[in-house]
Amino acid sequence: MDIKVNESGNIRRELSAEISYDELIPHFNKAFIEFRKKATHPGFRKGKMPLDMVKKLYGDSIEYSSLEDIAADIFRDYIIENNIELAGKGEIKDLNYDPKKNLKFKINFEVFPDLKVENYKNLELKQIKYKIDDSLIDEEIKYHRFRNAGFEIDGIASDDNYIITVDLQNLDESGNILIGQNQKDLKIYLGNEEIYPEFKKAFKGIKEGEVKVIDSTNAEGNAKKVQITCNKVEKIIYPELDEKFFLKITGKDTIKTEDEFREEIRDALSKIYNSISERKLRDDVISELVKLNDVEIPGSYIENILNTITDNYLEQNKSKKLPANFSESEFKKEKRADAIFSGKWHLIREKLIKMENITIEEEDYKKIADENASQYNIPAEKLLEVYKENEDVKAKILNDKLIDRIISYAEIEVKEELKTKVNSAEEIS
């Protein structure tokens, strides 16, 4: 058997093989035996046909039909014996069989590149440390009081501390009702800053049972009229800032005063926003490593990642209705850049873990088990054993320890920023 492998660049390879007929005989015999198991012939039960008869009647056909499997087996054995880290599957390009003489074939395949990750120390990074402004604490307390408020029926909405229940009905230019363009029993908090000014003005001082017509505009900016009918007016009764309220919000019975409560809120918000800052710093580490270290990614590996992303998306939406115009090929096009980035980071990460000799210790598992025990209501000892066998947990620990190591090498410019409001709903998700 003559096997040669030619390299084309850092990741592409071509295996050329020539196998003599004598070397093919064991492979053919294996194919004859497999065929015999399923073969039927007059006078013989299924699978009991003599092997010599199988060879005589079907030998040539079986030999030809088994050639691709033989090539695949030889290729697989070569990959295993030479400890080659294959990326994806090989592709047979040429398959030439000269009966009773030899088989020649070529297989193109890709391997993972031999990386040289050099640019990973002394990264120049920036991090924000947040200082919580009193206005943000005020907003947080207002939110908690609103969530825990009671309601009292009132006759008139005299300020913003009311919730009104209204019916909305669109009208034409002449004031006639537009059928099907209405909303019933819509609850509106008058302190909501998103209310359109013309509606805000109309709602001010509105009474139960009162009907008003508002001049407004539609989504296209065209004039429209809306009739509002107020069905209910409820005054919001906010809870007192006392020990009972402090305990309900914080779960701590040691907080006795409003100042102590505000400090507790400040600490909680600081942890949230500085956690966001830490998460961004770690994301920046990954982005910088991928940017500074050029990595050639095997195309088959990218396809594997894309298939995984797509399968996960379809699984997550299995119980939901996919968009009518959903196209798997278009979805993969949209996600291709993400797959390439993910592939580059994976290869860089695995190389750096080896270079930095990062390993998992018993304490690493124990730390995660202790952190999650109360959340899952499972004893930490049981979680510990589960985590030791979980590949995702292992990968997370190694990933976190690597990023910690890179951060320890980095030059980080820390900037303090006064946090006055939530920038977006996603910010604290």
Protein backbone atom coordinates (compact mmCIF):
# COMPACT_ATOMS: atom_id res chain seq x y z
CA MET A 1 0.00 0.00 0.00
CA ASP A 2 1.41 3.35 -1.03
CA ILE A 3 0.00 6.43 0.70
CA LYS A 4 1.22 10.00 0.26
CA VAL A 5 -0.12 13.25 1.70
CA ASN A 6 0.51 16.57 0.02
CA GLU A 7 0.09 19.80 1.93
CA SER A 8 -1.56 22.86 0.41
CA GLY A 9 -1.18 25.76 2.81
CA ASN A 10 -1.70 25.52 6.54
CA ILE A 11 -4.92 23.52 6.63
CA ARG A 12 -5.56 21.78 3.28
CA ARG A 13 -4.27 18.31 2.52
CA GLU A 14 -4.61 15.73 -0.25
CA LEU A 15 -4.12 12.02 0.42
CA SER A 16 -3.15 9.87 -2.58
CA ALA A 17 -3.32 6.11 -2.18
CA GLU A 18 -2.57 3.06 -4.30
CA ILE A 19 -3.63 -0.36 -3.00
CA SER A 20 -2.76 -3.61 -4.71
CA TYR A 21 -5.40 -6.24 -5.41
CA ASP A 22 -3.89 -8.59 -2.81
CA GLU A 23 -4.27 -5.81 -0.22
CA LEU A 24 -7.88 -5.27 -1.33
CA ILE A 25 -8.90 -8.94 -0.91
CA PRO A 26 -9.53 -8.70 2.90
CA HIS A 27 -11.71 -5.64 2.30
CA PHE A 28 -13.62 -7.39 -0.49
CA ASN A 29 -14.12 -10.50 1.67
CA LYS A 30 -15.59 -8.30 4.36
CA ALA A 31 -17.97 -6.82 1.76
CA PHE A 32 -18.94 -10.33 0.55
CA ILE A 33 -19.80 -11.39 4.10
CA GLU A 34 -21.92 -8.26 4.67
CA PHE A 35 -23.74 -8.80 1.37
CA ARG A 36 -24.38 -12.48 2.22
CA LYS A 37 -26.16 -11.52 5.46
CA LYS A 38 -28.90 -9.81 3.44
CA ALA A 39 -28.82 -11.91 0.27
CA THR A 40 -31.69 -14.14 -0.81
CA HIS A 41 -31.47 -16.85 -3.49
CA PRO A 42 -33.76 -19.70 -4.56
CA GLY A 43 -33.06 -22.78 -2.47
CA PHE A 44 -31.40 -20.89 0.38
CA ARG A 45 -32.69 -19.09 3.41
CA LYS A 46 -31.78 -15.42 3.82
CA GLY A 47 -28.14 -15.13 4.87
CA LYS A 48 -27.36 -18.83 4.21
CA MET A 49 -26.18 -18.58 0.61
CA PRO A 50 -22.67 -20.13 0.25
CA LEU A 51 -19.93 -17.53 0.16
CA ASP A 52 -18.37 -19.02 -3.01
CA MET A 53 -21.72 -18.64 -4.77
CA VAL A 54 -21.95 -15.00 -3.59
CA LYS A 55 -18.53 -14.32 -5.09
CA LYS A 56 -19.33 -16.13 -8.34
CA LEU A 57 -22.71 -14.45 -8.91
CA TYR A 58 -22.14 -11.00 -7.47
CA GLY A 59 -18.37 -10.66 -6.94
CA ASP A 60 -17.64 -7.97 -9.49
CA SER A 61 -20.68 -5.90 -8.53
CA ILE A 62 -19.86 -6.13 -4.81
CA GLU A 63 -16.24 -5.16 -5.43
CA TYR A 64 -17.22 -2.02 -7.35
CA SER A 65 -19.93 -1.00 -4.86
CA SER A 66 -17.53 -1.38 -1.91
CA LEU A 67 -14.74 0.80 -3.32
CA GLU A 68 -15.86 4.06 -1.65
CA ASP A 69 -16.22 2.31 1.72
CA ILE A 70 -12.75 0.81 1.34
CA ALA A 71 -11.25 4.20 0.52
CA ALA A 72 -13.03 5.72 3.53
CA ASP A 73 -11.75 2.94 5.83
CA ILE A 74 -8.17 3.32 4.65
CA PHE A 75 -8.40 7.09 5.04
CA ARG A 76 -9.84 6.77 8.56
CA ASP A 77 -7.13 4.32 9.64
CA TYR A 78 -4.41 6.62 8.28
CA ILE A 79 -5.84 9.61 10.18
CA ILE A 80 -6.00 7.63 13.45
CA GLU A 81 -2.57 6.02 13.10
CA ASN A 82 -0.89 9.36 12.37
CA ASN A 83 -2.81 11.26 15.07
CA ILE A 84 -4.08 13.86 12.61
CA GLU A 85 -6.64 16.33 13.99
CA LEU A 86 -9.17 16.23 11.19
CA ALA A 87 -11.52 19.18 10.62
CA GLY A 88 -14.76 17.92 9.10
CA LYS A 89 -14.86 14.99 6.67
CA GLY A 90 -12.62 14.04 3.78
CA GLU A 91 -13.93 14.26 0.22
CA ILE A 92 -13.10 11.58 -2.37
CA LYS A 93 -12.03 13.31 -5.59
CA ASP A 94 -10.66 10.43 -7.72
CA LEU A 95 -11.51 6.74 -7.47
CA ASN A 96 -9.96 4.47 -10.12
CA TYR A 97 -10.17 0.68 -9.91
CA ASP A 98 -8.28 -1.57 -12.27
CA PRO A 99 -9.90 -5.01 -11.68
CA LYS A 100 -7.58 -7.67 -10.27
CA LYS A 101 -4.72 -5.11 -10.24
CA ASN A 102 -5.14 -2.10 -7.95
CA LEU A 103 -7.23 0.74 -6.58
CA LYS A 104 -6.10 4.35 -6.75
CA PHE A 105 -7.89 7.24 -5.07
CA LYS A 106 -7.40 10.77 -3.77
CA ILE A 107 -9.12 12.37 -0.79
CA ASN A 108 -9.07 16.08 -0.03
CA PHE A 109 -9.38 17.01 3.62
CA GLU A 110 -8.73 19.83 6.08
CA VAL A 111 -6.86 19.83 9.38
CA PHE A 112 -6.84 22.29 12.22
CA PRO A 113 -3.98 24.78 11.79
CA ASP A 114 -0.82 24.68 13.85
CA LEU A 115 -1.36 28.02 15.57
CA LYS A 116 1.26 30.39 16.81
CA VAL A 117 -0.54 32.68 19.24
CA GLU A 118 1.93 35.42 20.11
CA ASN A 119 -0.13 38.55 20.70
CA TYR A 120 -1.90 37.87 23.97
CA LYS A 121 0.13 39.60 26.66
CA ASN A 122 -0.01 43.29 27.54
CA LEU A 123 -3.33 43.90 25.81
CA GLU A 124 -4.42 47.54 26.08
CA LEU A 125 -7.95 47.50 27.47
CA LYS A 126 -10.41 49.97 28.96
CA GLN A 127 -12.88 49.39 31.76
CA ILE A 128 -15.59 51.56 33.30
CA LYS A 129 -16.23 51.52 37.03
CA TYR A 130 -19.68 52.90 37.78
CA LYS A 131 -20.56 55.31 40.55
CA ILE A 132 -24.29 55.27 41.25
CA ASP A 133 -26.00 58.68 41.15
CA ASP A 134 -28.75 59.47 43.67
CA SER A 135 -31.21 59.96 40.82
CA LEU A 136 -30.84 56.30 39.83
CA ILE A 137 -31.49 55.24 43.43
CA ASP A 138 -34.61 57.43 43.42
CA GLU A 139 -35.83 55.70 40.26
CA GLU A 140 -35.17 52.26 41.71
CA ILE A 141 -37.07 53.04 44.91
CA LYS A 142 -39.90 54.52 42.86
CA TYR A 143 -40.03 51.32 40.82
CA HIS A 144 -40.22 49.11 43.93
CA ARG A 145 -42.90 51.30 45.49
CA PHE A 146 -44.94 51.20 42.29
CA ARG A 147 -44.65 47.40 42.08
CA ASN A 148 -45.87 47.09 45.66
CA ALA A 149 -48.52 49.82 45.57
CA GLY A 150 -52.21 49.49 46.36
CA PHE A 151 -55.10 51.18 44.54
CA GLU A 152 -58.05 53.23 45.66
CA ILE A 153 -61.07 54.11 43.52
CA ASP A 154 -61.24 57.85 42.91
CA GLY A 155 -63.47 60.08 40.83
CA ILE A 156 -60.86 62.23 39.09
CA ALA A 157 -57.23 61.81 38.00
CA SER A 158 -55.80 64.95 39.57
CA ASP A 159 -52.09 64.14 38.98
CA ASP A 160 -49.76 61.46 37.57
CA ASN A 161 -50.20 59.09 40.52
CA TYR A 162 -53.23 57.45 38.95
CA ILE A 163 -54.08 54.51 36.74
CA ILE A 164 -57.06 54.98 34.47
CA THR A 165 -58.96 52.33 32.52
CA VAL A 166 -60.20 53.58 29.16
CA ASP A 167 -61.76 52.53 25.87
CA LEU A 168 -60.14 53.97 22.74
CA GLN A 169 -62.10 54.37 19.51
CA ASN A 170 -60.72 55.78 16.25
CA LEU A 171 -63.00 58.22 14.41
CA ASP A 172 -63.07 59.53 10.86
CA GLU A 173 -62.69 63.23 10.01
CA SER A 174 -66.40 63.77 10.59
CA GLY A 175 -66.31 62.14 13.99
CA ASN A 176 -67.95 58.87 12.90
CA ILE A 177 -66.86 55.59 14.48
CA LEU A 178 -64.44 53.47 12.42
CA ILE A 179 -65.57 49.87 12.82
CA GLY A 180 -62.91 47.50 14.15
CA GLN A 181 -60.51 50.26 15.19
CA ASN A 182 -60.91 50.24 18.95
CA GLN A 183 -59.36 49.01 22.20
CA LYS A 184 -61.28 48.04 25.30
CA ASP A 185 -60.34 48.36 28.99
CA LEU A 186 -56.85 49.68 28.38
CA LYS A 187 -55.00 50.41 31.64
CA ILE A 188 -52.78 53.52 31.53
CA TYR A 189 -50.35 54.73 34.18
CA LEU A 190 -50.41 58.52 33.93
CA GLY A 191 -46.81 58.81 35.10
CA ASN A 192 -45.59 56.93 32.00
CA GLU A 193 -43.24 59.24 30.09
CA GLU A 194 -44.04 57.48 26.79
CA ILE A 195 -47.61 58.82 26.63
CA TYR A 196 -48.08 61.13 23.63
CA PRO A 197 -48.40 64.81 24.67
CA GLU A 198 -51.94 65.22 23.25
CA PHE A 199 -53.10 62.17 25.22
CA LYS A 200 -51.24 63.32 28.33
CA LYS A 201 -53.07 66.63 28.20
CA ALA A 202 -56.46 64.95 27.74
CA PHE A 203 -55.90 62.46 30.55
CA LYS A 204 -55.05 65.18 33.08
CA GLY A 205 -58.03 65.71 35.36
CA ILE A 206 -60.17 63.15 33.53
CA LYS A 207 -63.19 61.85 35.46
CA GLU A 208 -64.77 58.43 35.63
CA GLY A 209 -67.42 58.18 32.89
CA GLU A 210 -66.04 61.16 30.97
CA VAL A 211 -65.72 61.02 27.18
CA LYS A 212 -63.19 63.10 25.24
CA VAL A 213 -62.15 63.35 21.60
CA ILE A 214 -58.41 63.84 20.91
CA ASP A 215 -56.86 65.22 17.73
CA SER A 216 -53.79 63.07 17.03
CA THR A 217 -51.79 61.56 14.14
CA ASN A 218 -51.33 58.02 12.86
CA ALA A 219 -48.06 56.17 12.17
CA GLU A 220 -47.77 57.86 8.77
CA GLY A 221 -48.18 61.32 10.33
CA ASN A 222 -51.72 61.86 9.02
CA ALA A 223 -54.34 63.52 11.21
CA LYS A 224 -56.80 61.30 13.07
CA LYS A 225 -59.34 61.58 15.87
CA VAL A 226 -59.51 59.28 18.88
CA GLN A 227 -62.44 59.07 21.27
CA ILE A 228 -61.54 58.07 24.83
CA THR A 229 -64.05 56.86 27.37
CA CYS A 230 -62.82 56.73 30.97
CA ASN A 231 -64.25 53.66 32.74
CA LYS A 232 -62.30 53.72 36.00
CA VAL A 233 -59.97 56.03 37.93
CA GLU A 234 -57.67 54.50 40.55
CA LYS A 235 -55.35 56.45 42.82
CA ILE A 236 -52.02 54.75 43.46
CA ILE A 237 -51.38 54.28 47.18
CA TYR A 238 -47.65 53.86 47.61
CA PRO A 239 -46.26 51.88 50.56
CA GLU A 240 -44.49 53.76 53.32
CA LEU A 241 -40.71 53.69 53.46
CA ASP A 242 -40.61 51.73 56.69
CA GLU A 243 -38.94 48.59 58.05
CA LYS A 244 -41.69 46.33 56.69
CA PHE A 245 -41.11 47.64 53.16
CA PHE A 246 -37.30 47.48 53.52
CA LEU A 247 -37.54 43.82 54.58
CA LYS A 248 -39.82 42.92 51.69
CA ILE A 249 -37.52 44.45 49.08
CA THR A 250 -34.11 43.43 50.46
CA GLY A 251 -34.91 40.37 52.55
CA LYS A 252 -32.83 41.89 55.36
CA ASP A 253 -34.25 42.73 58.78
CA THR A 254 -31.19 44.80 59.74
CA ILE A 255 -32.21 47.79 57.60
CA LYS A 256 -34.07 50.25 59.81
CA THR A 257 -33.82 53.67 58.16
CA GLU A 258 -34.33 55.18 54.73
CA ASP A 259 -30.65 56.09 54.53
CA GLU A 260 -29.67 52.47 55.17
CA PHE A 261 -32.19 51.34 52.56
CA ARG A 262 -30.76 53.76 50.00
CA GLU A 263 -27.24 52.47 50.67
CA GLU A 264 -28.47 48.91 50.20
CA ILE A 265 -30.00 49.91 46.86
CA ARG A 266 -26.77 51.69 45.91
CA ASP A 267 -24.70 48.56 46.69
CA ALA A 268 -27.07 46.35 44.70
CA LEU A 269 -26.96 48.65 41.68
CA SER A 270 -23.18 48.95 41.92
CA LYS A 271 -22.87 45.17 41.77
CA ILE A 272 -25.17 44.99 38.74
CA TYR A 273 -23.42 47.68 36.73
CA ASN A 274 -19.91 46.66 37.67
CA SER A 275 -20.84 43.10 36.71
CA ILE A 276 -21.86 44.50 33.32
CA SER A 277 -18.50 46.30 33.16
CA GLU A 278 -16.64 43.10 34.02
CA ARG A 279 -18.56 41.15 31.40
CA LYS A 280 -17.71 43.76 28.75
CA LEU A 281 -14.04 43.65 29.73
CA ARG A 282 -14.00 39.88 29.27
CA ASP A 283 -15.76 40.21 25.91
CA ASP A 284 -13.16 42.81 24.91
CA VAL A 285 -10.38 40.36 25.79
CA ILE A 286 -11.83 37.81 23.37
CA SER A 287 -12.34 40.43 20.64
CA GLU A 288 -8.77 41.68 20.97
CA LEU A 289 -7.27 38.19 20.90
CA VAL A 290 -9.18 37.31 17.73
CA LYS A 291 -8.25 40.66 16.13
CA LEU A 292 -4.55 40.44 16.97
CA ASN A 293 -4.00 36.78 16.03
CA ASP A 294 -4.70 35.84 12.44
CA VAL A 295 -6.22 32.37 12.24
CA GLU A 296 -7.11 30.43 9.11
CA ILE A 297 -10.30 28.48 9.76
CA PRO A 298 -11.07 25.21 7.94
CA GLY A 299 -14.21 25.68 5.83
CA SER A 300 -15.63 22.36 7.04
CA TYR A 301 -15.23 23.51 10.64
CA ILE A 302 -17.15 26.72 9.89
CA GLU A 303 -19.91 24.64 8.33
CA ASN A 304 -20.08 22.47 11.45
CA ILE A 305 -20.47 25.55 13.63
CA LEU A 306 -23.13 26.97 11.31
CA ASN A 307 -25.04 23.69 11.45
CA THR A 308 -24.91 23.74 15.25
CA ILE A 309 -26.13 27.36 15.40
CA THR A 310 -28.96 26.53 13.00
CA ASP A 311 -29.94 23.34 14.82
CA ASN A 312 -30.02 25.20 18.15
CA TYR A 313 -32.20 27.94 16.64
CA LEU A 314 -34.64 25.42 15.19
CA GLU A 315 -34.75 23.50 18.47
CA GLN A 316 -35.43 26.66 20.47
CA ASN A 317 -38.27 27.55 18.12
CA LYS A 318 -39.64 24.02 17.83
CA SER A 319 -42.78 24.90 19.77
CA LYS A 320 -43.10 28.29 18.10
CA LYS A 321 -44.01 29.21 14.57
CA LEU A 322 -41.00 30.19 12.49
CA PRO A 323 -41.31 33.36 10.38
CA ALA A 324 -43.20 32.66 7.15
CA ASN A 325 -40.20 33.75 5.08
CA PHE A 326 -37.61 31.79 7.12
CA SER A 327 -34.85 30.37 4.93
CA GLU A 328 -32.22 28.10 6.43
CA SER A 329 -29.67 29.09 3.78
CA GLU A 330 -30.28 32.81 4.41
CA PHE A 331 -30.09 32.24 8.15
CA LYS A 332 -26.69 30.60 7.72
CA LYS A 333 -25.49 33.52 5.59
CA GLU A 334 -26.49 35.94 8.35
CA LYS A 335 -24.72 33.85 11.00
CA ARG A 336 -21.57 33.10 9.00
CA ALA A 337 -19.54 35.98 10.48
CA ASP A 338 -20.52 34.82 13.99
CA ALA A 339 -19.46 31.26 13.13
CA ILE A 340 -16.06 32.42 11.84
CA PHE A 341 -15.46 34.52 14.96
CA SER A 342 -16.53 31.65 17.20
CA GLY A 343 -14.25 29.23 15.36
CA LYS A 344 -11.25 31.54 15.59
CA TRP A 345 -11.79 32.11 19.29
CA HIS A 346 -12.15 28.38 19.96
CA LEU A 347 -8.82 27.57 18.26
CA ILE A 348 -7.00 30.48 19.94
CA ARG A 349 -8.46 29.54 23.33
CA GLU A 350 -7.45 25.86 23.06
CA LYS A 351 -3.92 26.84 22.05
CA LEU A 352 -3.53 29.34 24.89
CA ILE A 353 -4.87 26.90 27.47
CA LYS A 354 -2.05 24.53 26.49
CA MET A 355 0.57 27.29 26.27
CA GLU A 356 -0.35 28.68 29.69
CA ASN A 357 -0.73 25.19 31.17
CA ILE A 358 -4.18 25.99 32.55
CA THR A 359 -5.80 23.06 34.34
CA ILE A 360 -8.88 22.43 36.45
CA GLU A 361 -8.52 21.91 40.19
CA GLU A 362 -10.96 20.41 42.68
CA GLU A 363 -11.55 23.90 44.10
CA ASP A 364 -12.75 25.14 40.71
CA TYR A 365 -15.59 22.62 40.68
CA LYS A 366 -16.33 23.23 44.35
CA LYS A 367 -16.64 26.98 43.83
CA ILE A 368 -19.29 26.60 41.11
CA ALA A 369 -21.14 23.93 43.10
CA ASP A 370 -21.26 26.16 46.19
CA GLU A 371 -22.49 29.12 44.12
CA ASN A 372 -25.31 27.15 42.46
CA ALA A 373 -26.40 24.89 45.32
CA SER A 374 -28.98 27.32 46.74
CA GLN A 375 -30.23 28.31 43.29
CA TYR A 376 -31.05 24.73 42.30
CA ASN A 377 -31.86 23.58 45.84
CA ILE A 378 -29.40 20.70 45.46
CA PRO A 379 -26.63 19.89 47.98
CA ALA A 380 -23.28 21.23 46.80
CA GLU A 381 -21.73 17.76 47.19
CA LYS A 382 -24.12 16.28 44.62
CA LEU A 383 -23.60 19.16 42.20
CA LEU A 384 -19.85 18.72 42.57
CA GLU A 385 -19.99 15.15 41.26
CA VAL A 386 -22.28 16.13 38.39
CA TYR A 387 -20.06 19.05 37.37
CA LYS A 388 -16.95 16.88 37.28
CA GLU A 389 -18.53 14.81 34.50
CA ASN A 390 -20.03 17.74 32.59
CA GLU A 391 -17.99 18.85 29.55
CA ASP A 392 -19.73 22.23 29.36
CA VAL A 393 -18.76 23.00 32.96
CA LYS A 394 -15.17 21.96 32.25
CA ALA A 395 -15.05 24.21 29.19
CA LYS A 396 -16.47 27.15 31.15
CA ILE A 397 -13.94 26.77 33.95
CA LEU A 398 -11.01 26.61 31.54
CA ASN A 399 -12.38 29.56 29.55
CA ASP A 400 -12.82 31.70 32.67
CA LYS A 401 -9.39 30.83 34.04
CA LEU A 402 -7.77 31.66 30.72
CA ILE A 403 -9.45 35.06 30.49
CA ASP A 404 -8.47 35.78 34.10
CA ARG A 405 -4.87 35.00 33.14
CA ILE A 406 -4.97 37.27 30.08
CA ILE A 407 -6.48 40.08 32.16
CA SER A 408 -3.67 39.68 34.68
CA TYR A 409 -1.19 40.34 31.85
CA ALA A 410 -3.14 43.27 30.39
CA GLU A 411 -2.75 47.03 30.79
CA ILE A 412 -6.20 48.26 31.82
CA GLU A 413 -7.21 51.90 31.81
CA VAL A 414 -9.95 52.28 34.40
CA LYS A 415 -12.39 55.17 34.02
CA GLU A 416 -15.01 56.13 36.61
CA GLU A 417 -18.44 57.05 35.27
CA LEU A 418 -21.47 58.45 37.09
CA LYS A 419 -24.47 56.26 36.34
CA THR A 420 -27.64 58.32 36.28
CA LYS A 421 -30.12 56.15 34.38
CA VAL A 422 -30.62 52.83 32.67
CA ASN A 423 -29.52 53.16 29.04
CA SER A 424 -31.59 50.29 27.68
CA ALA A 425 -33.77 47.39 28.69
CA GLU A 426 -30.99 44.98 27.61
CA GLU A 427 -28.42 46.61 29.85
CA ILE A 428 -29.45 44.79 33.00
CA SER A 429 -30.83 41.62 31.40
